[in-house]
Amino acid sequence: MNTQRQAPRRAPDSLLHRQLDRALTAQRPVAIAVVRRLRRQAPDATPEELLRLAERWYRGAAMSAGGGVGAAAAIPGVGTAVGAAIAGVEILGFLELSALYALVVAEIHGEPVHNPERGRTLVMAIMLGDQGKRLIQDFLLRRGAGGLINTAFWGELVAQAIPEVFVGELSRKLRDVFVQRFAGRQIGGAIGKLVPFGIGAAIGALGNATLAAEVIRNSRGAFGPPPVGFVGEIGDAALARADAEADERSIRRAVERAEREQRQLLRDRERAERKAIGRKERRPRRRRKSDDGPAAPTAD
């Protein structure tokens, strides 16, 4: 008889968990593009100043999304069921925005996140704040990796230092807590956004502004003060190279557009010439009348 105990099989993820995973998965190229755009808007900004610009962008986008749901509830004919569906989409949209903001902050701090699973772990920990920090520390202590806790800021720990073998398990533990805490708060906020007469718009905007402010505050504690300069894909050299490549693409597109227009002009001219030739060939030949008139009949 085999008495060896088998490891319990992990239950398959629920639909909520899968939706949450998708919402919290931001792509690093998008985060790099956001930081570069902010740098182009403020070319003389320091990393500290750029972080403030990123915070302003994130807070404004979150308020716009929350207010939009409340405004939709005020539209005549939009029922509670439709409004609830819109609010559900907005919740996932806020999570996607927060995930992107977390990667933007990591890029500015010179701690890029390459692994999507690591990125989800980072954004959940940031949104959980001190609770997320404690969960990470307890997890590492139980795995015999307590030495990593000496890292100055836990955002760097999640973004870079934690071994890949631990990231998946840590992400699932954070997700269970995250669903219980954050989803409940968002659902309560979504109900408030469904209040009609424009009141829901104010509730939605203010609610998302409060959540965004909490995420911003937690991200500051996770990464600490920003570096003195920009490095990596958002550094000066990379930005200049990206701008040069963008200029080259613009020139190439302009040349291709001019060539397409020239080819189109040639096709139009050939088509016009063929039509003119066809009309000339189809035109009936007119008989010329004799100047002497009709021939006189001959005598027998």
C-alpha atoms as a PDB file:
ATOM      1  CA  MET A   1       0.000   0.000   0.000  1.00  0.00           C
ATOM      2  CA  ASN A   2       1.420   3.330  -1.008  1.00  0.00           C
ATOM      3  CA  THR A   3       1.260   5.649   2.006  1.00  0.00           C
ATOM      4  CA  GLN A   4       3.272   8.438   0.440  1.00  0.00           C
ATOM      5  CA  ARG A   5       1.316  11.671   0.560  1.00  0.00           C
ATOM      6  CA  GLN A   6       0.951  13.516  -2.676  1.00  0.00           C
ATOM      7  CA  ALA A   7       1.144  17.268  -2.896  1.00  0.00           C
ATOM      8  CA  PRO A   8      -2.322  18.781  -3.179  1.00  0.00           C
ATOM      9  CA  ARG A   9      -3.250  19.926  -6.632  1.00  0.00           C
ATOM     10  CA  ARG A  10      -3.853  23.629  -6.972  1.00  0.00           C
ATOM     11  CA  ALA A  11      -7.430  24.431  -7.884  1.00  0.00           C
ATOM     12  CA  PRO A  12      -7.890  26.038 -11.278  1.00  0.00           C
ATOM     13  CA  ASP A  13      -8.148  29.796 -11.279  1.00  0.00           C
ATOM     14  CA  SER A  14     -11.635  31.237 -11.199  1.00  0.00           C
ATOM     15  CA  LEU A  15     -12.978  33.621 -13.832  1.00  0.00           C
ATOM     16  CA  LEU A  16     -12.453  36.510 -11.410  1.00  0.00           C
ATOM     17  CA  HIS A  17      -8.819  35.539 -10.916  1.00  0.00           C
ATOM     18  CA  ARG A  18      -8.230  35.251 -14.655  1.00  0.00           C
ATOM     19  CA  GLN A  19      -9.814  38.647 -15.277  1.00  0.00           C
ATOM     20  CA  LEU A  20      -7.732  40.101 -12.478  1.00  0.00           C
ATOM     21  CA  ASP A  21      -4.543  38.630 -13.908  1.00  0.00           C
ATOM     22  CA  ARG A  22      -5.288  40.125 -17.321  1.00  0.00           C
ATOM     23  CA  ALA A  23      -6.120  43.524 -15.838  1.00  0.00           C
ATOM     24  CA  LEU A  24      -2.926  43.603 -13.768  1.00  0.00           C
ATOM     25  CA  THR A  25      -0.676  42.616 -16.668  1.00  0.00           C
ATOM     26  CA  ALA A  26       0.830  45.762 -18.142  1.00  0.00           C
ATOM     27  CA  GLN A  27       3.434  45.589 -20.881  1.00  0.00           C
ATOM     28  CA  ARG A  28       6.833  47.132 -20.305  1.00  0.00           C
ATOM     29  CA  PRO A  29       7.041  48.682 -23.828  1.00  0.00           C
ATOM     30  CA  VAL A  30       3.881  50.662 -23.038  1.00  0.00           C
ATOM     31  CA  ALA A  31       5.389  51.904 -19.762  1.00  0.00           C
ATOM     32  CA  ILE A  32       8.578  52.923 -21.580  1.00  0.00           C
ATOM     33  CA  ALA A  33       6.495  54.792 -24.160  1.00  0.00           C
ATOM     34  CA  VAL A  34       4.637  56.663 -21.392  1.00  0.00           C
ATOM     35  CA  VAL A  35       7.879  57.723 -19.681  1.00  0.00           C
ATOM     36  CA  ARG A  36       9.419  58.833 -22.976  1.00  0.00           C
ATOM     37  CA  ARG A  37       6.336  60.870 -23.798  1.00  0.00           C
ATOM     38  CA  LEU A  38       6.532  62.567 -20.394  1.00  0.00           C
ATOM     39  CA  ARG A  39      10.221  63.269 -20.965  1.00  0.00           C
ATOM     40  CA  ARG A  40       9.486  64.855 -24.338  1.00  0.00           C
ATOM     41  CA  GLN A  41       6.816  67.029 -22.738  1.00  0.00           C
ATOM     42  CA  ALA A  42       9.265  68.164 -20.043  1.00  0.00           C
ATOM     43  CA  PRO A  43      12.779  67.693 -21.501  1.00  0.00           C
ATOM     44  CA  ASP A  44      14.510  69.421 -18.576  1.00  0.00           C
ATOM     45  CA  ALA A  45      12.650  67.540 -15.834  1.00  0.00           C
ATOM     46  CA  THR A  46      14.610  65.550 -13.260  1.00  0.00           C
ATOM     47  CA  PRO A  47      13.464  62.044 -12.243  1.00  0.00           C
ATOM     48  CA  GLU A  48      11.818  63.580  -9.169  1.00  0.00           C
ATOM     49  CA  GLU A  49       9.903  66.075 -11.322  1.00  0.00           C
ATOM     50  CA  LEU A  50       8.978  63.393 -13.839  1.00  0.00           C
ATOM     51  CA  LEU A  51       7.532  61.261 -11.057  1.00  0.00           C
ATOM     52  CA  ARG A  52       5.269  64.177 -10.124  1.00  0.00           C
ATOM     53  CA  LEU A  53       4.157  64.445 -13.751  1.00  0.00           C
ATOM     54  CA  ALA A  54       3.461  60.698 -13.810  1.00  0.00           C
ATOM     55  CA  GLU A  55       1.436  60.998 -10.603  1.00  0.00           C
ATOM     56  CA  ARG A  56      -0.593  63.851 -12.080  1.00  0.00           C
ATOM     57  CA  TRP A  57      -1.240  61.810 -15.239  1.00  0.00           C
ATOM     58  CA  TYR A  58      -2.306  58.740 -13.253  1.00  0.00           C
ATOM     59  CA  ARG A  59      -4.583  60.675 -10.885  1.00  0.00           C
ATOM     60  CA  GLY A  60      -6.253  62.550 -13.741  1.00  0.00           C
ATOM     61  CA  ALA A  61      -6.837  59.394 -15.776  1.00  0.00           C
ATOM     62  CA  ALA A  62      -8.281  57.590 -12.746  1.00  0.00           C
ATOM     63  CA  MET A  63     -10.681  60.450 -11.959  1.00  0.00           C
ATOM     64  CA  SER A  64     -11.834  60.648 -15.574  1.00  0.00           C
ATOM     65  CA  ALA A  65     -12.593  56.925 -15.623  1.00  0.00           C
ATOM     66  CA  GLY A  66     -14.502  57.012 -12.335  1.00  0.00           C
ATOM     67  CA  GLY A  67     -16.495  60.096 -13.268  1.00  0.00           C
ATOM     68  CA  GLY A  68     -17.395  58.576 -16.623  1.00  0.00           C
ATOM     69  CA  VAL A  69     -19.232  55.688 -14.961  1.00  0.00           C
ATOM     70  CA  GLY A  70     -21.233  58.048 -12.766  1.00  0.00           C
ATOM     71  CA  ALA A  71     -22.072  60.219 -15.749  1.00  0.00           C
ATOM     72  CA  ALA A  72     -23.292  57.164 -17.676  1.00  0.00           C
ATOM     73  CA  ALA A  73     -25.716  56.351 -14.857  1.00  0.00           C
ATOM     74  CA  ALA A  74     -27.321  59.775 -15.307  1.00  0.00           C
ATOM     75  CA  ILE A  75     -28.120  59.144 -18.987  1.00  0.00           C
ATOM     76  CA  PRO A  76     -31.864  58.482 -19.480  1.00  0.00           C
ATOM     77  CA  GLY A  77     -32.552  54.874 -20.395  1.00  0.00           C
ATOM     78  CA  VAL A  78     -29.404  53.452 -18.795  1.00  0.00           C
ATOM     79  CA  GLY A  79     -30.691  50.940 -16.276  1.00  0.00           C
ATOM     80  CA  THR A  80     -29.006  49.594 -13.169  1.00  0.00           C
ATOM     81  CA  ALA A  81     -27.907  46.389 -14.904  1.00  0.00           C
ATOM     82  CA  VAL A  82     -26.239  48.287 -17.741  1.00  0.00           C
ATOM     83  CA  GLY A  83     -24.704  50.736 -15.297  1.00  0.00           C
ATOM     84  CA  ALA A  84     -23.353  47.861 -13.208  1.00  0.00           C
ATOM     85  CA  ALA A  85     -21.770  46.318 -16.300  1.00  0.00           C
ATOM     86  CA  ILE A  86     -20.138  49.650 -17.128  1.00  0.00           C
ATOM     87  CA  ALA A  87     -18.898  49.917 -13.548  1.00  0.00           C
ATOM     88  CA  GLY A  88     -17.405  46.419 -13.758  1.00  0.00           C
ATOM     89  CA  VAL A  89     -15.489  47.367 -16.865  1.00  0.00           C
ATOM     90  CA  GLU A  90     -14.314  50.535 -15.112  1.00  0.00           C
ATOM     91  CA  ILE A  91     -12.966  48.527 -12.166  1.00  0.00           C
ATOM     92  CA  LEU A  92     -10.818  46.441 -14.505  1.00  0.00           C
ATOM     93  CA  GLY A  93      -9.805  49.623 -16.314  1.00  0.00           C
ATOM     94  CA  PHE A  94      -8.627  51.175 -13.053  1.00  0.00           C
ATOM     95  CA  LEU A  95      -6.569  48.072 -12.303  1.00  0.00           C
ATOM     96  CA  GLU A  96      -4.985  48.197 -15.775  1.00  0.00           C
ATOM     97  CA  LEU A  97      -4.176  51.879 -15.292  1.00  0.00           C
ATOM     98  CA  SER A  98      -2.659  51.183 -11.866  1.00  0.00           C
ATOM     99  CA  ALA A  99      -0.555  48.339 -13.276  1.00  0.00           C
ATOM    100  CA  LEU A 100       0.787  50.637 -15.979  1.00  0.00           C
ATOM    101  CA  TYR A 101       1.520  53.356 -13.421  1.00  0.00           C
ATOM    102  CA  ALA A 102       3.439  50.888 -11.239  1.00  0.00           C
ATOM    103  CA  LEU A 103       5.659  49.930 -14.193  1.00  0.00           C
ATOM    104  CA  VAL A 104       6.160  53.615 -15.050  1.00  0.00           C
ATOM    105  CA  VAL A 105       7.363  54.275 -11.499  1.00  0.00           C
ATOM    106  CA  ALA A 106       9.686  51.261 -11.664  1.00  0.00           C
ATOM    107  CA  GLU A 107      11.170  52.517 -14.956  1.00  0.00           C
ATOM    108  CA  ILE A 108      11.824  55.998 -13.569  1.00  0.00           C
ATOM    109  CA  HIS A 109      13.520  54.440 -10.537  1.00  0.00           C
ATOM    110  CA  GLY A 110      15.774  52.367 -12.785  1.00  0.00           C
ATOM    111  CA  GLU A 111      14.148  49.094 -11.673  1.00  0.00           C
ATOM    112  CA  PRO A 112      12.520  47.805 -14.887  1.00  0.00           C
ATOM    113  CA  VAL A 113      10.128  44.860 -14.622  1.00  0.00           C
ATOM    114  CA  HIS A 114      10.631  42.356 -17.449  1.00  0.00           C
ATOM    115  CA  ASN A 115       8.419  39.496 -16.239  1.00  0.00           C
ATOM    116  CA  PRO A 116       4.598  39.955 -16.419  1.00  0.00           C
ATOM    117  CA  GLU A 117       4.140  37.764 -13.326  1.00  0.00           C
ATOM    118  CA  ARG A 118       6.601  39.936 -11.434  1.00  0.00           C
ATOM    119  CA  GLY A 119       4.733  43.011 -12.663  1.00  0.00           C
ATOM    120  CA  ARG A 120       1.411  41.702 -11.315  1.00  0.00           C
ATOM    121  CA  THR A 121       3.070  40.940  -7.995  1.00  0.00           C
ATOM    122  CA  LEU A 122       4.487  44.444  -7.835  1.00  0.00           C
ATOM    123  CA  VAL A 123       1.228  46.253  -8.537  1.00  0.00           C
ATOM    124  CA  MET A 124      -0.760  44.135  -6.061  1.00  0.00           C
ATOM    125  CA  ALA A 125       1.854  44.727  -3.362  1.00  0.00           C
ATOM    126  CA  ILE A 126       1.818  48.469  -4.055  1.00  0.00           C
ATOM    127  CA  MET A 127      -1.975  48.638  -3.915  1.00  0.00           C
ATOM    128  CA  LEU A 128      -1.996  46.662  -0.657  1.00  0.00           C
ATOM    129  CA  GLY A 129       0.591  49.000   0.861  1.00  0.00           C
ATOM    130  CA  ASP A 130       1.931  48.014   4.291  1.00  0.00           C
ATOM    131  CA  GLN A 131      -0.089  44.808   4.223  1.00  0.00           C
ATOM    132  CA  GLY A 132       1.570  43.845   0.953  1.00  0.00           C
ATOM    133  CA  LYS A 133       4.982  44.620   2.406  1.00  0.00           C
ATOM    134  CA  ARG A 134       4.322  42.381   5.427  1.00  0.00           C
ATOM    135  CA  LEU A 135       3.061  39.556   3.216  1.00  0.00           C
ATOM    136  CA  ILE A 136       6.254  39.696   1.158  1.00  0.00           C
ATOM    137  CA  GLN A 137       8.472  39.694   4.248  1.00  0.00           C
ATOM    138  CA  ASP A 138       6.613  36.780   5.867  1.00  0.00           C
ATOM    139  CA  PHE A 139       6.742  34.811   2.614  1.00  0.00           C
ATOM    140  CA  LEU A 140      10.512  35.256   2.255  1.00  0.00           C
ATOM    141  CA  LEU A 141      11.142  34.324   5.894  1.00  0.00           C
ATOM    142  CA  ARG A 142       9.178  31.080   5.472  1.00  0.00           C
ATOM    143  CA  ARG A 143      11.166  30.276   2.318  1.00  0.00           C
ATOM    144  CA  GLY A 144      14.500  30.815   4.054  1.00  0.00           C
ATOM    145  CA  ALA A 145      15.243  33.929   2.019  1.00  0.00           C
ATOM    146  CA  GLY A 146      15.050  36.413   4.864  1.00  0.00           C
ATOM    147  CA  GLY A 147      18.370  37.936   3.851  1.00  0.00           C
ATOM    148  CA  LEU A 148      16.620  39.601   0.926  1.00  0.00           C
ATOM    149  CA  ILE A 149      14.524  41.645   3.354  1.00  0.00           C
ATOM    150  CA  ASN A 150      17.573  43.802   4.050  1.00  0.00           C
ATOM    151  CA  THR A 151      16.967  45.436   0.669  1.00  0.00           C
ATOM    152  CA  ALA A 152      16.410  49.121   1.353  1.00  0.00           C
ATOM    153  CA  PHE A 153      13.043  49.357  -0.388  1.00  0.00           C
ATOM    154  CA  TRP A 154      10.668  46.475  -1.000  1.00  0.00           C
ATOM    155  CA  GLY A 155       9.680  47.735  -4.456  1.00  0.00           C
ATOM    156  CA  GLU A 156      13.212  46.952  -5.617  1.00  0.00           C
ATOM    157  CA  LEU A 157      12.852  43.561  -3.943  1.00  0.00           C
ATOM    158  CA  VAL A 158       9.790  42.642  -5.996  1.00  0.00           C
ATOM    159  CA  ALA A 159      11.006  44.218  -9.227  1.00  0.00           C
ATOM    160  CA  GLN A 160      14.456  42.628  -9.273  1.00  0.00           C
ATOM    161  CA  ALA A 161      15.736  40.707  -6.240  1.00  0.00           C
ATOM    162  CA  ILE A 162      13.196  37.948  -5.518  1.00  0.00           C
ATOM    163  CA  PRO A 163      14.200  34.738  -7.360  1.00  0.00           C
ATOM    164  CA  GLU A 164      11.935  33.791 -10.250  1.00  0.00           C
ATOM    165  CA  VAL A 165      11.124  30.438  -8.596  1.00  0.00           C
ATOM    166  CA  PHE A 166       9.303  32.294  -5.786  1.00  0.00           C
ATOM    167  CA  VAL A 167       7.457  34.889  -7.870  1.00  0.00           C
ATOM    168  CA  GLY A 168       4.508  32.741  -8.991  1.00  0.00           C
ATOM    169  CA  GLU A 169       3.671  31.464  -5.503  1.00  0.00           C
ATOM    170  CA  LEU A 170       4.062  34.920  -3.967  1.00  0.00           C
ATOM    171  CA  SER A 171       1.810  36.385  -6.653  1.00  0.00           C
ATOM    172  CA  ARG A 172      -0.969  33.890  -5.857  1.00  0.00           C
ATOM    173  CA  LYS A 173      -0.778  34.625  -2.119  1.00  0.00           C
ATOM    174  CA  LEU A 174      -0.967  38.358  -2.750  1.00  0.00           C
ATOM    175  CA  ARG A 175      -3.838  37.859  -5.175  1.00  0.00           C
ATOM    176  CA  ASP A 176      -5.993  36.038  -2.611  1.00  0.00           C
ATOM    177  CA  VAL A 177      -5.614  38.911  -0.145  1.00  0.00           C
ATOM    178  CA  PHE A 178      -5.952  41.493  -2.881  1.00  0.00           C
ATOM    179  CA  VAL A 179      -9.297  40.119  -4.080  1.00  0.00           C
ATOM    180  CA  GLN A 180     -10.745  40.155  -0.559  1.00  0.00           C
ATOM    181  CA  ARG A 181      -9.623  43.679   0.240  1.00  0.00           C
ATOM    182  CA  PHE A 182      -9.512  45.682  -2.955  1.00  0.00           C
ATOM    183  CA  ALA A 183     -12.356  44.127  -4.937  1.00  0.00           C
ATOM    184  CA  GLY A 184     -14.754  44.696  -2.038  1.00  0.00           C
ATOM    185  CA  ARG A 185     -13.808  48.357  -1.853  1.00  0.00           C
ATOM    186  CA  GLN A 186     -14.176  48.800  -5.597  1.00  0.00           C
ATOM    187  CA  ILE A 187     -17.567  47.072  -5.701  1.00  0.00           C
ATOM    188  CA  GLY A 188     -18.802  49.359  -2.935  1.00  0.00           C
ATOM    189  CA  GLY A 189     -17.504  52.333  -4.862  1.00  0.00           C
ATOM    190  CA  ALA A 190     -19.139  51.071  -8.041  1.00  0.00           C
ATOM    191  CA  ILE A 191     -22.534  51.010  -6.321  1.00  0.00           C
ATOM    192  CA  GLY A 192     -22.044  54.643  -5.350  1.00  0.00           C
ATOM    193  CA  LYS A 193     -21.201  55.526  -8.938  1.00  0.00           C
ATOM    194  CA  LEU A 194     -24.609  54.260 -10.076  1.00  0.00           C
ATOM    195  CA  VAL A 195     -26.409  57.036  -8.168  1.00  0.00           C
ATOM    196  CA  PRO A 196     -28.192  59.128 -10.823  1.00  0.00           C
ATOM    197  CA  PHE A 197     -28.626  62.889 -11.312  1.00  0.00           C
ATOM    198  CA  GLY A 198     -24.895  63.455 -11.733  1.00  0.00           C
ATOM    199  CA  ILE A 199     -24.126  62.623  -8.092  1.00  0.00           C
ATOM    200  CA  GLY A 200     -22.620  59.301  -9.150  1.00  0.00           C
ATOM    201  CA  ALA A 201     -20.113  61.100 -11.379  1.00  0.00           C
ATOM    202  CA  ALA A 202     -18.802  63.054  -8.396  1.00  0.00           C
ATOM    203  CA  ILE A 203     -18.691  59.916  -6.239  1.00  0.00           C
ATOM    204  CA  GLY A 204     -16.853  58.012  -8.970  1.00  0.00           C
ATOM    205  CA  ALA A 205     -14.274  60.722  -9.578  1.00  0.00           C
ATOM    206  CA  LEU A 206     -13.603  61.299  -5.875  1.00  0.00           C
ATOM    207  CA  GLY A 207     -13.514  57.572  -5.110  1.00  0.00           C
ATOM    208  CA  ASN A 208     -10.944  56.860  -7.793  1.00  0.00           C
ATOM    209  CA  ALA A 209      -8.962  59.933  -6.760  1.00  0.00           C
ATOM    210  CA  THR A 210      -8.771  58.540  -3.214  1.00  0.00           C
ATOM    211  CA  LEU A 211      -7.636  55.132  -4.447  1.00  0.00           C
ATOM    212  CA  ALA A 212      -5.117  56.702  -6.822  1.00  0.00           C
ATOM    213  CA  ALA A 213      -3.697  58.840  -4.012  1.00  0.00           C
ATOM    214  CA  GLU A 214      -3.246  55.691  -1.922  1.00  0.00           C
ATOM    215  CA  VAL A 215      -1.455  53.907  -4.770  1.00  0.00           C
ATOM    216  CA  ILE A 216       0.820  56.937  -5.273  1.00  0.00           C
ATOM    217  CA  ARG A 217       1.650  57.085  -1.568  1.00  0.00           C
ATOM    218  CA  ASN A 218       2.391  53.351  -1.456  1.00  0.00           C
ATOM    219  CA  SER A 219       4.619  53.532  -4.534  1.00  0.00           C
ATOM    220  CA  ARG A 220       6.707  56.260  -2.915  1.00  0.00           C
ATOM    221  CA  GLY A 221       7.257  54.046   0.101  1.00  0.00           C
ATOM    222  CA  ALA A 222       8.015  51.033  -2.077  1.00  0.00           C
ATOM    223  CA  PHE A 223      10.811  52.641  -4.095  1.00  0.00           C
ATOM    224  CA  GLY A 224      11.990  55.548  -1.973  1.00  0.00           C
ATOM    225  CA  PRO A 225      13.629  58.629  -3.497  1.00  0.00           C
ATOM    226  CA  PRO A 226      14.216  58.562  -7.266  1.00  0.00           C
ATOM    227  CA  PRO A 227      17.722  58.385  -8.767  1.00  0.00           C
ATOM    228  CA  VAL A 228      19.606  61.484  -9.860  1.00  0.00           C
ATOM    229  CA  GLY A 229      19.380  60.600 -13.552  1.00  0.00           C
ATOM    230  CA  PHE A 230      17.579  58.483 -16.111  1.00  0.00           C
ATOM    231  CA  VAL A 231      19.021  55.114 -17.081  1.00  0.00           C
ATOM    232  CA  GLY A 232      18.282  52.248 -19.441  1.00  0.00           C
ATOM    233  CA  GLU A 233      15.501  52.518 -21.996  1.00  0.00           C
ATOM    234  CA  ILE A 234      14.439  55.940 -20.697  1.00  0.00           C
ATOM    235  CA  GLY A 235      17.973  57.381 -20.519  1.00  0.00           C
ATOM    236  CA  ASP A 236      19.145  60.270 -22.683  1.00  0.00           C
ATOM    237  CA  ALA A 237      20.908  58.039 -25.219  1.00  0.00           C
ATOM    238  CA  ALA A 238      17.928  55.698 -25.587  1.00  0.00           C
ATOM    239  CA  LEU A 239      15.535  58.644 -25.890  1.00  0.00           C
ATOM    240  CA  ALA A 240      17.687  60.283 -28.585  1.00  0.00           C
ATOM    241  CA  ARG A 241      17.902  56.972 -30.443  1.00  0.00           C
ATOM    242  CA  ALA A 242      14.126  56.498 -30.240  1.00  0.00           C
ATOM    243  CA  ASP A 243      13.552  60.046 -31.498  1.00  0.00           C
ATOM    244  CA  ALA A 244      15.949  59.478 -34.399  1.00  0.00           C
ATOM    245  CA  GLU A 245      14.195  56.228 -35.283  1.00  0.00           C
ATOM    246  CA  ALA A 246      10.832  57.992 -35.076  1.00  0.00           C
ATOM    247  CA  ASP A 247      12.103  60.744 -37.398  1.00  0.00           C
ATOM    248  CA  GLU A 248      13.421  58.111 -39.795  1.00  0.00           C
ATOM    249  CA  ARG A 249      10.064  56.325 -39.768  1.00  0.00           C
ATOM    250  CA  SER A 250       8.270  59.616 -40.406  1.00  0.00           C
ATOM    251  CA  ILE A 251      10.542  60.377 -43.361  1.00  0.00           C
ATOM    252  CA  ARG A 252      10.108  56.846 -44.703  1.00  0.00           C
ATOM    253  CA  ARG A 253       6.323  57.109 -44.401  1.00  0.00           C
ATOM    254  CA  ALA A 254       6.374  60.495 -46.171  1.00  0.00           C
ATOM    255  CA  VAL A 255       8.475  59.074 -49.024  1.00  0.00           C
ATOM    256  CA  GLU A 256       6.222  56.020 -49.310  1.00  0.00           C
ATOM    257  CA  ARG A 257       3.146  58.254 -49.318  1.00  0.00           C
ATOM    258  CA  ALA A 258       4.637  60.440 -52.082  1.00  0.00           C
ATOM    259  CA  GLU A 259       5.498  57.329 -54.114  1.00  0.00           C
ATOM    260  CA  ARG A 260       1.952  55.991 -53.696  1.00  0.00           C
ATOM    261  CA  GLU A 261       0.508  59.309 -54.819  1.00  0.00           C
ATOM    262  CA  GLN A 262       2.832  59.354 -57.855  1.00  0.00           C
ATOM    263  CA  ARG A 263       1.794  55.810 -58.805  1.00  0.00           C
ATOM    264  CA  GLN A 264      -1.840  56.762 -58.400  1.00  0.00           C
ATOM    265  CA  LEU A 265      -1.365  59.778 -60.685  1.00  0.00           C
ATOM    266  CA  LEU A 266       0.212  57.541 -63.331  1.00  0.00           C
ATOM    267  CA  ARG A 267      -2.660  55.057 -63.056  1.00  0.00           C
ATOM    268  CA  ASP A 268      -5.208  57.870 -63.329  1.00  0.00           C
ATOM    269  CA  ARG A 269      -3.473  59.275 -66.424  1.00  0.00           C
ATOM    270  CA  GLU A 270      -3.295  55.849 -68.087  1.00  0.00           C
ATOM    271  CA  ARG A 271      -6.964  55.256 -67.302  1.00  0.00           C
ATOM    272  CA  ALA A 272      -7.915  58.630 -68.795  1.00  0.00           C
ATOM    273  CA  GLU A 273      -5.869  57.910 -71.935  1.00  0.00           C
ATOM    274  CA  ARG A 274      -7.534  54.503 -72.384  1.00  0.00           C
ATOM    275  CA  LYS A 275     -10.974  56.055 -72.021  1.00  0.00           C
ATOM    276  CA  ALA A 276     -10.130  58.723 -74.596  1.00  0.00           C
ATOM    277  CA  ILE A 277      -8.879  56.115 -77.089  1.00  0.00           C
ATOM    278  CA  GLY A 278     -11.969  53.977 -76.519  1.00  0.00           C
ATOM    279  CA  ARG A 279     -14.331  56.872 -77.162  1.00  0.00           C
ATOM    280  CA  LYS A 280     -12.476  57.735 -80.386  1.00  0.00           C
ATOM    281  CA  GLU A 281     -12.707  54.144 -81.657  1.00  0.00           C
ATOM    282  CA  ARG A 282     -16.427  53.869 -80.868  1.00  0.00           C
ATOM    283  CA  ARG A 283     -17.332  57.166 -82.557  1.00  0.00           C
ATOM    284  CA  PRO A 284     -19.270  56.466 -85.904  1.00  0.00           C
ATOM    285  CA  ARG A 285     -17.715  57.801 -89.115  1.00  0.00           C
ATOM    286  CA  ARG A 286     -19.925  60.456 -90.730  1.00  0.00           C
ATOM    287  CA  ARG A 287     -20.494  60.295 -94.531  1.00  0.00           C
ATOM    288  CA  ARG A 288     -19.302  63.327 -96.449  1.00  0.00           C
ATOM    289  CA  LYS A 289     -21.929  64.899 -98.761  1.00  0.00           C
ATOM    290  CA  SER A 290     -20.957  65.495-102.445  1.00  0.00           C
ATOM    291  CA  ASP A 291     -20.617  69.124-103.433  1.00  0.00           C
ATOM    292  CA  ASP A 292     -22.455  68.413-106.752  1.00  0.00           C
ATOM    293  CA  GLY A 293     -25.470  67.018-105.010  1.00  0.00           C
ATOM    294  CA  PRO A 294     -27.169  63.732-105.908  1.00  0.00           C
ATOM    295  CA  ALA A 295     -26.326  62.226-109.249  1.00  0.00           C
ATOM    296  CA  ALA A 296     -28.835  62.941-112.057  1.00  0.00           C
ATOM    297  CA  PRO A 297     -30.660  59.972-113.517  1.00  0.00           C
ATOM    298  CA  THR A 298     -29.353  58.785-116.879  1.00  0.00           C
ATOM    299  CA  ALA A 299     -31.545  58.742-120.064  1.00  0.00           C
ATOM    300  CA  ASP A 300     -32.449  55.440-121.661  1.00  0.00           C
END
